[in-house]
C-alpha atoms as a PDB file:
ATOM      1  CA  MET A   1       0.000   0.000   0.000  1.00  0.00           C
ATOM      2  CA  ASN A   2       1.504   3.328  -1.005  1.00  0.00           C
ATOM      3  CA  ASP A   3       1.410   6.471   1.141  1.00  0.00           C
ATOM      4  CA  ASN A   4      -1.650   8.009  -0.556  1.00  0.00           C
ATOM      5  CA  GLU A   5      -3.639   4.789  -0.246  1.00  0.00           C
ATOM      6  CA  LEU A   6      -2.697   4.531   3.431  1.00  0.00           C
ATOM      7  CA  ILE A   7      -3.797   8.117   4.105  1.00  0.00           C
ATOM      8  CA  LYS A   8      -7.142   7.555   2.355  1.00  0.00           C
ATOM      9  CA  SER A   9      -7.655   4.267   4.172  1.00  0.00           C
ATOM     10  CA  LEU A  10      -6.963   5.848   7.560  1.00  0.00           C
ATOM     11  CA  ALA A  11      -9.306   8.741   6.772  1.00  0.00           C
ATOM     12  CA  ASN A  12     -12.069   6.364   5.656  1.00  0.00           C
ATOM     13  CA  THR A  13     -11.642   4.220   8.753  1.00  0.00           C
ATOM     14  CA  LEU A  14     -11.819   7.216  11.078  1.00  0.00           C
ATOM     15  CA  ILE A  15     -14.905   8.569   9.322  1.00  0.00           C
ATOM     16  CA  SER A  16     -16.556   5.142   9.534  1.00  0.00           C
ATOM     17  CA  GLN A  17     -15.747   4.787  13.228  1.00  0.00           C
ATOM     18  CA  TYR A  18     -16.167   8.350  14.484  1.00  0.00           C
ATOM     19  CA  GLY A  19     -18.326  10.158  11.929  1.00  0.00           C
ATOM     20  CA  ASP A  20     -18.233  13.908  12.478  1.00  0.00           C
ATOM     21  CA  ASP A  21     -15.570  13.469  15.176  1.00  0.00           C
ATOM     22  CA  ALA A  22     -13.064  11.840  12.782  1.00  0.00           C
ATOM     23  CA  GLU A  23     -11.113  15.051  12.257  1.00  0.00           C
ATOM     24  CA  THR A  24     -10.849  15.614  16.007  1.00  0.00           C
ATOM     25  CA  VAL A  25      -9.549  12.084  16.559  1.00  0.00           C
ATOM     26  CA  ALA A  26      -6.962  12.550  13.809  1.00  0.00           C
ATOM     27  CA  MET A  27      -5.899  15.861  15.385  1.00  0.00           C
ATOM     28  CA  LEU A  28      -5.413  14.150  18.733  1.00  0.00           C
ATOM     29  CA  ARG A  29      -3.263  11.457  17.140  1.00  0.00           C
ATOM     30  CA  ALA A  30      -1.208  14.078  15.294  1.00  0.00           C
ATOM     31  CA  ALA A  31      -0.715  16.018  18.530  1.00  0.00           C
ATOM     32  CA  GLU A  32       0.453  12.878  20.364  1.00  0.00           C
ATOM     33  CA  HIS A  33       3.116  12.222  17.736  1.00  0.00           C
ATOM     34  CA  ALA A  34       4.157  15.871  17.651  1.00  0.00           C
ATOM     35  CA  ALA A  35       4.586  15.833  21.425  1.00  0.00           C
ATOM     36  CA  ASP A  36       6.768  12.727  21.087  1.00  0.00           C
ATOM     37  CA  LEU A  37       8.799  14.489  18.372  1.00  0.00           C
ATOM     38  CA  ASN A  38       7.916  11.679  15.960  1.00  0.00           C
ATOM     39  CA  ASN A  39       7.920  13.801  12.804  1.00  0.00           C
ATOM     40  CA  GLU A  40       7.159  10.951  10.379  1.00  0.00           C
ATOM     41  CA  GLU A  41       3.970   9.895  12.190  1.00  0.00           C
ATOM     42  CA  TRP A  42       2.997  13.515  12.924  1.00  0.00           C
ATOM     43  CA  ILE A  43       3.193  14.399   9.210  1.00  0.00           C
ATOM     44  CA  LYS A  44       1.219  11.266   8.299  1.00  0.00           C
ATOM     45  CA  TRP A  45      -1.602  12.241  10.649  1.00  0.00           C
ATOM     46  CA  GLU A  46      -1.575  15.834   9.399  1.00  0.00           C
ATOM     47  CA  LYS A  47      -2.128  14.385   5.906  1.00  0.00           C
ATOM     48  CA  VAL A  48      -5.005  12.291   7.287  1.00  0.00           C
ATOM     49  CA  ILE A  49      -6.602  15.471   8.669  1.00  0.00           C
ATOM     50  CA  ILE A  50      -6.346  17.117   5.238  1.00  0.00           C
ATOM     51  CA  GLU A  51      -7.832  14.027   3.567  1.00  0.00           C
ATOM     52  CA  ILE A  52     -10.763  13.988   6.002  1.00  0.00           C
ATOM     53  CA  LYS A  53     -11.417  17.670   5.224  1.00  0.00           C
ATOM     54  CA  ASN A  54     -11.258  16.916   1.487  1.00  0.00           C
ATOM     55  CA  MET A  55     -13.681  14.020   1.876  1.00  0.00           C
ATOM     56  CA  ASP A  56     -16.068  16.211   3.855  1.00  0.00           C
ATOM     57  CA  ASN A  57     -15.942  18.912   1.183  1.00  0.00           C
ATOM     58  CA  THR A  58     -16.317  16.546  -1.797  1.00  0.00           C
ATOM     59  CA  PRO A  59     -18.378  13.541  -0.721  1.00  0.00           C
ATOM     60  CA  ASN A  60     -18.530  10.484  -2.970  1.00  0.00           C
ATOM     61  CA  LEU A  61     -22.161  10.245  -4.097  1.00  0.00           C
ATOM     62  CA  ASN A  62     -21.676   6.958  -5.942  1.00  0.00           C
ATOM     63  CA  GLY A  63     -22.610   4.984  -2.845  1.00  0.00           C
END
């Protein structure tokens, strides 16, 4: 699985599990990694946040 697929998969999973709170959960995970100075994971979760926002702004209406 490449990086973009992983980001989309994480975003989809969070939306499925947490609905409207998915972005908040992703922000908490990003903050945890930032506090641990784990830049790689922090950047990954920042990308997940952006993907969740993109999905919210352009929903897939194909079911």
